[in-house]
Amino acid sequence: MAKVTTESGLVLDVFKVFRLGSSKKSYLTDHGTILLATVVAGTVKLNDTLQIGSLTDKVVNLQIDRKNVKEVAAGQKVGICLAEKHAKVIAKALGIPHRRECCWQE
């Protein structure tokens, strides 16, 4: 796991990074980069800006147990969807393996 910290006191323990895209059969479009993490300290809110390495990105969605939420506090596991599609760069900056593009399956 890799830790992400911000000036606002947020600490994330990131355990998976991937890009959620769409398959040719799906009606979904690209969603950007997904971080699966545990919030160790602080909170994450929709539209927050996270800085990971040299990249700065906006939080466009948060999910806990496949339910959209507006805010996540310490102690919760969360899926964080970032606006941009630089999963490989983020995974490399955090020193964790990058998963190939995943597609939504119904």
N, C-alpha and C. Protein backbone atom coordinates (compact mmCIF):
# COMPACT_ATOMS: atom_id res chain seq x y z
N MET A 1 0.84 -1.18 0.00
CA MET A 1 0.00 0.00 0.00
C MET A 1 0.88 1.24 0.00
N ALA A 2 0.34 2.31 -0.57
CA ALA A 2 1.08 3.55 -0.67
C ALA A 2 0.28 4.68 -0.02
N LYS A 3 0.99 5.54 0.67
CA LYS A 3 0.31 6.65 1.35
C LYS A 3 0.32 7.90 0.49
N VAL A 4 -0.82 8.60 0.48
CA VAL A 4 -0.95 9.90 -0.17
C VAL A 4 -1.30 10.88 0.94
N THR A 5 -0.55 11.95 1.07
CA THR A 5 -0.85 12.97 2.07
C THR A 5 -1.03 14.31 1.37
N THR A 6 -1.83 15.18 1.94
CA THR A 6 -2.04 16.52 1.39
C THR A 6 -1.80 17.55 2.47
N GLU A 7 -1.70 18.81 2.06
CA GLU A 7 -1.48 19.90 3.01
C GLU A 7 -2.65 20.07 3.96
N SER A 8 -3.85 19.65 3.53
CA SER A 8 -5.04 19.81 4.37
C SER A 8 -5.12 18.75 5.46
N GLY A 9 -4.14 17.82 5.50
CA GLY A 9 -4.13 16.80 6.55
C GLY A 9 -4.72 15.47 6.12
N LEU A 10 -5.15 15.36 4.87
CA LEU A 10 -5.70 14.11 4.36
C LEU A 10 -4.58 13.08 4.19
N VAL A 11 -4.83 11.87 4.69
CA VAL A 11 -3.89 10.76 4.48
C VAL A 11 -4.68 9.60 3.91
N LEU A 12 -4.29 9.12 2.73
CA LEU A 12 -4.93 7.99 2.08
C LEU A 12 -3.94 6.83 2.01
N ASP A 13 -4.42 5.64 2.26
CA ASP A 13 -3.63 4.43 2.08
C ASP A 13 -4.17 3.76 0.81
N VAL A 14 -3.51 3.99 -0.32
CA VAL A 14 -3.99 3.53 -1.62
C VAL A 14 -3.51 2.11 -1.86
N PHE A 15 -4.44 1.20 -2.22
CA PHE A 15 -4.05 -0.18 -2.49
C PHE A 15 -4.32 -0.63 -3.91
N LYS A 16 -5.01 0.16 -4.73
CA LYS A 16 -5.23 -0.21 -6.12
C LYS A 16 -5.48 1.03 -6.96
N VAL A 17 -4.90 1.07 -8.17
CA VAL A 17 -5.09 2.18 -9.11
C VAL A 17 -5.39 1.57 -10.47
N PHE A 18 -6.47 2.05 -11.11
CA PHE A 18 -6.77 1.59 -12.46
C PHE A 18 -7.61 2.62 -13.19
N ARG A 19 -7.74 2.43 -14.48
CA ARG A 19 -8.57 3.32 -15.29
C ARG A 19 -9.85 2.58 -15.63
N LEU A 20 -10.98 3.19 -15.34
CA LEU A 20 -12.27 2.58 -15.65
C LEU A 20 -12.72 3.12 -17.00
N GLY A 21 -12.80 2.24 -17.97
CA GLY A 21 -13.21 2.65 -19.30
C GLY A 21 -14.47 1.91 -19.70
N SER A 22 -14.79 2.02 -20.95
CA SER A 22 -15.98 1.35 -21.44
C SER A 22 -15.58 0.31 -22.48
N SER A 23 -16.35 -0.74 -22.56
CA SER A 23 -16.15 -1.71 -23.61
C SER A 23 -16.97 -1.26 -24.82
N LYS A 24 -16.75 -1.88 -25.95
CA LYS A 24 -17.48 -1.50 -27.16
C LYS A 24 -18.97 -1.77 -27.02
N LYS A 25 -19.33 -2.73 -26.18
CA LYS A 25 -20.73 -3.10 -26.01
C LYS A 25 -21.43 -2.25 -24.95
N SER A 26 -20.67 -1.48 -24.21
CA SER A 26 -21.23 -0.74 -23.08
C SER A 26 -21.67 0.66 -23.49
N TYR A 27 -22.64 1.17 -22.80
CA TYR A 27 -23.11 2.53 -23.03
C TYR A 27 -22.30 3.54 -22.22
N LEU A 28 -21.44 3.06 -21.33
CA LEU A 28 -20.67 3.95 -20.48
C LEU A 28 -19.49 4.54 -21.24
N THR A 29 -19.10 5.73 -20.86
CA THR A 29 -17.92 6.36 -21.44
C THR A 29 -16.77 6.28 -20.44
N ASP A 30 -15.59 6.73 -20.84
CA ASP A 30 -14.45 6.72 -19.93
C ASP A 30 -14.74 7.52 -18.68
N HIS A 31 -14.26 7.02 -17.56
CA HIS A 31 -14.51 7.68 -16.28
C HIS A 31 -13.27 8.27 -15.65
N GLY A 32 -12.11 7.99 -16.17
CA GLY A 32 -10.89 8.52 -15.57
C GLY A 32 -10.18 7.49 -14.73
N THR A 33 -9.41 7.98 -13.76
CA THR A 33 -8.59 7.12 -12.92
C THR A 33 -9.32 6.82 -11.61
N ILE A 34 -9.28 5.56 -11.19
CA ILE A 34 -9.91 5.14 -9.94
C ILE A 34 -8.83 4.77 -8.93
N LEU A 35 -8.94 5.32 -7.74
CA LEU A 35 -8.08 4.94 -6.62
C LEU A 35 -8.94 4.20 -5.61
N LEU A 36 -8.52 3.01 -5.20
CA LEU A 36 -9.17 2.32 -4.10
C LEU A 36 -8.28 2.52 -2.89
N ALA A 37 -8.85 3.07 -1.82
CA ALA A 37 -8.02 3.49 -0.69
C ALA A 37 -8.80 3.45 0.61
N THR A 38 -8.04 3.50 1.69
CA THR A 38 -8.60 3.68 3.02
C THR A 38 -8.20 5.08 3.48
N VAL A 39 -9.17 5.83 3.99
CA VAL A 39 -8.87 7.17 4.52
C VAL A 39 -8.32 6.97 5.92
N VAL A 40 -7.05 7.34 6.13
CA VAL A 40 -6.40 7.17 7.42
C VAL A 40 -6.65 8.38 8.31
N ALA A 41 -6.61 9.57 7.73
CA ALA A 41 -6.86 10.80 8.49
C ALA A 41 -7.47 11.83 7.56
N GLY A 42 -8.30 12.71 8.11
CA GLY A 42 -8.91 13.78 7.33
C GLY A 42 -10.16 13.32 6.62
N THR A 43 -10.62 14.13 5.67
CA THR A 43 -11.82 13.82 4.88
C THR A 43 -11.56 14.11 3.41
N VAL A 44 -12.32 13.44 2.55
CA VAL A 44 -12.30 13.70 1.11
C VAL A 44 -13.72 14.07 0.72
N LYS A 45 -13.87 15.12 -0.08
CA LYS A 45 -15.18 15.57 -0.54
C LYS A 45 -15.18 15.64 -2.06
N LEU A 46 -16.37 15.58 -2.63
CA LEU A 46 -16.50 15.79 -4.07
C LEU A 46 -15.90 17.14 -4.45
N ASN A 47 -15.27 17.21 -5.59
CA ASN A 47 -14.64 18.41 -6.14
C ASN A 47 -13.37 18.84 -5.40
N ASP A 48 -12.90 18.05 -4.42
CA ASP A 48 -11.59 18.33 -3.80
C ASP A 48 -10.50 18.13 -4.84
N THR A 49 -9.38 18.76 -4.63
CA THR A 49 -8.23 18.58 -5.50
C THR A 49 -7.17 17.78 -4.75
N LEU A 50 -6.72 16.68 -5.35
CA LEU A 50 -5.67 15.86 -4.76
C LEU A 50 -4.38 16.07 -5.54
N GLN A 51 -3.27 16.12 -4.83
CA GLN A 51 -1.97 16.19 -5.48
C GLN A 51 -1.23 14.90 -5.17
N ILE A 52 -0.90 14.16 -6.24
CA ILE A 52 -0.18 12.90 -6.12
C ILE A 52 1.08 13.03 -6.96
N GLY A 53 2.21 13.08 -6.29
CA GLY A 53 3.45 13.35 -7.01
C GLY A 53 3.38 14.74 -7.63
N SER A 54 3.64 14.82 -8.92
CA SER A 54 3.59 16.11 -9.60
C SER A 54 2.22 16.37 -10.22
N LEU A 55 1.28 15.44 -10.09
CA LEU A 55 -0.05 15.59 -10.70
C LEU A 55 -1.05 16.18 -9.72
N THR A 56 -1.89 17.03 -10.23
CA THR A 56 -3.00 17.57 -9.46
C THR A 56 -4.28 17.18 -10.18
N ASP A 57 -5.24 16.62 -9.47
CA ASP A 57 -6.45 16.15 -10.11
C ASP A 57 -7.67 16.37 -9.22
N LYS A 58 -8.82 16.50 -9.86
CA LYS A 58 -10.07 16.79 -9.17
C LYS A 58 -10.85 15.50 -8.90
N VAL A 59 -11.44 15.40 -7.70
CA VAL A 59 -12.28 14.26 -7.34
C VAL A 59 -13.66 14.47 -7.95
N VAL A 60 -14.07 13.56 -8.85
CA VAL A 60 -15.37 13.71 -9.51
C VAL A 60 -16.43 12.77 -8.96
N ASN A 61 -16.01 11.71 -8.23
CA ASN A 61 -16.99 10.82 -7.62
C ASN A 61 -16.33 10.07 -6.46
N LEU A 62 -17.14 9.76 -5.46
CA LEU A 62 -16.71 8.96 -4.31
C LEU A 62 -17.73 7.85 -4.12
N GLN A 63 -17.26 6.63 -3.86
CA GLN A 63 -18.18 5.52 -3.61
C GLN A 63 -17.71 4.69 -2.43
N ILE A 64 -18.70 4.30 -1.62
CA ILE A 64 -18.48 3.33 -0.54
C ILE A 64 -19.50 2.22 -0.78
N ASP A 65 -19.03 1.00 -0.91
CA ASP A 65 -19.90 -0.15 -1.17
C ASP A 65 -20.85 0.09 -2.34
N ARG A 66 -20.30 0.62 -3.44
CA ARG A 66 -21.02 0.88 -4.68
C ARG A 66 -22.13 1.92 -4.56
N LYS A 67 -22.07 2.74 -3.52
CA LYS A 67 -23.05 3.81 -3.34
C LYS A 67 -22.31 5.15 -3.40
N ASN A 68 -22.82 6.07 -4.21
CA ASN A 68 -22.21 7.39 -4.31
C ASN A 68 -22.40 8.15 -3.00
N VAL A 69 -21.34 8.81 -2.56
CA VAL A 69 -21.38 9.63 -1.36
C VAL A 69 -20.73 10.98 -1.67
N LYS A 70 -21.00 11.98 -0.84
CA LYS A 70 -20.44 13.32 -1.05
C LYS A 70 -19.18 13.57 -0.24
N GLU A 71 -19.00 12.78 0.83
CA GLU A 71 -17.86 12.99 1.71
C GLU A 71 -17.48 11.67 2.37
N VAL A 72 -16.18 11.49 2.60
CA VAL A 72 -15.67 10.28 3.25
C VAL A 72 -14.74 10.69 4.37
N ALA A 73 -14.89 10.05 5.52
CA ALA A 73 -14.08 10.39 6.70
C ALA A 73 -13.08 9.28 7.00
N ALA A 74 -12.22 9.55 7.96
CA ALA A 74 -11.17 8.61 8.37
C ALA A 74 -11.77 7.27 8.78
N GLY A 75 -11.09 6.19 8.40
CA GLY A 75 -11.51 4.85 8.75
C GLY A 75 -12.35 4.16 7.70
N GLN A 76 -12.75 4.87 6.64
CA GLN A 76 -13.60 4.27 5.62
C GLN A 76 -12.79 3.88 4.38
N LYS A 77 -13.18 2.75 3.76
CA LYS A 77 -12.61 2.36 2.48
C LYS A 77 -13.44 3.01 1.40
N VAL A 78 -12.77 3.52 0.37
CA VAL A 78 -13.47 4.34 -0.62
C VAL A 78 -12.90 4.11 -2.02
N GLY A 79 -13.77 4.28 -3.00
CA GLY A 79 -13.34 4.35 -4.39
C GLY A 79 -13.39 5.82 -4.79
N ILE A 80 -12.26 6.34 -5.24
CA ILE A 80 -12.16 7.75 -5.62
C ILE A 80 -11.96 7.84 -7.12
N CYS A 81 -12.87 8.50 -7.80
CA CYS A 81 -12.75 8.68 -9.25
C CYS A 81 -12.17 10.08 -9.51
N LEU A 82 -11.03 10.10 -10.19
CA LEU A 82 -10.37 11.36 -10.56
C LEU A 82 -10.71 11.71 -12.00
N ALA A 83 -10.69 12.99 -12.32
CA ALA A 83 -11.12 13.46 -13.63
C ALA A 83 -10.21 13.01 -14.77
N GLU A 84 -8.92 13.06 -14.57
CA GLU A 84 -7.98 12.76 -15.66
C GLU A 84 -7.64 11.28 -15.73
N LYS A 85 -7.08 10.89 -16.87
CA LYS A 85 -6.79 9.48 -17.14
C LYS A 85 -5.30 9.21 -17.09
N HIS A 86 -4.67 9.39 -15.93
CA HIS A 86 -3.24 9.09 -15.83
C HIS A 86 -2.99 8.04 -14.75
N ALA A 87 -3.66 6.91 -14.87
CA ALA A 87 -3.52 5.83 -13.89
C ALA A 87 -2.10 5.29 -13.82
N LYS A 88 -1.45 5.12 -14.97
CA LYS A 88 -0.08 4.59 -14.99
C LYS A 88 0.88 5.52 -14.26
N VAL A 89 0.74 6.81 -14.48
CA VAL A 89 1.63 7.80 -13.86
C VAL A 89 1.41 7.82 -12.34
N ILE A 90 0.15 7.77 -11.91
CA ILE A 90 -0.17 7.78 -10.48
C ILE A 90 0.36 6.51 -9.82
N ALA A 91 0.13 5.36 -10.45
CA ALA A 91 0.61 4.09 -9.89
C ALA A 91 2.13 4.10 -9.76
N LYS A 92 2.81 4.64 -10.76
CA LYS A 92 4.27 4.71 -10.71
C LYS A 92 4.73 5.64 -9.60
N ALA A 93 4.06 6.79 -9.45
CA ALA A 93 4.42 7.75 -8.40
C ALA A 93 4.23 7.14 -7.01
N LEU A 94 3.22 6.27 -6.86
CA LEU A 94 2.94 5.65 -5.57
C LEU A 94 3.73 4.36 -5.36
N GLY A 95 4.34 3.85 -6.43
CA GLY A 95 5.11 2.63 -6.31
C GLY A 95 4.27 1.38 -6.17
N ILE A 96 3.06 1.39 -6.74
CA ILE A 96 2.22 0.20 -6.70
C ILE A 96 1.92 -0.25 -8.13
N PRO A 97 1.60 -1.53 -8.32
CA PRO A 97 1.34 -2.01 -9.68
C PRO A 97 0.11 -1.36 -10.29
N HIS A 98 0.18 -1.12 -11.57
CA HIS A 98 -0.94 -0.57 -12.32
C HIS A 98 -1.72 -1.71 -12.93
N ARG A 99 -3.02 -1.70 -12.77
CA ARG A 99 -3.87 -2.71 -13.41
C ARG A 99 -4.25 -2.22 -14.79
N ARG A 100 -4.38 -3.15 -15.71
CA ARG A 100 -4.85 -2.78 -17.04
C ARG A 100 -6.24 -2.18 -16.94
N GLU A 101 -6.66 -1.53 -18.01
CA GLU A 101 -7.97 -0.89 -18.03
C GLU A 101 -9.05 -1.89 -17.70
N CYS A 102 -9.97 -1.49 -16.83
CA CYS A 102 -11.09 -2.34 -16.45
C CYS A 102 -12.35 -1.82 -17.12
N CYS A 103 -13.26 -2.68 -17.32
CA CYS A 103 -14.55 -2.28 -17.91
C CYS A 103 -15.66 -2.63 -16.94
N TRP A 104 -16.70 -1.82 -16.95
CA TRP A 104 -17.86 -2.04 -16.10
C TRP A 104 -18.59 -3.28 -16.59
N GLN A 105 -18.89 -4.18 -15.70
CA GLN A 105 -19.60 -5.41 -16.03
C GLN A 105 -20.93 -5.42 -15.29
N GLU A 106 -22.00 -5.69 -15.99
CA GLU A 106 -23.32 -5.79 -15.34
C GLU A 106 -23.67 -7.22 -15.12
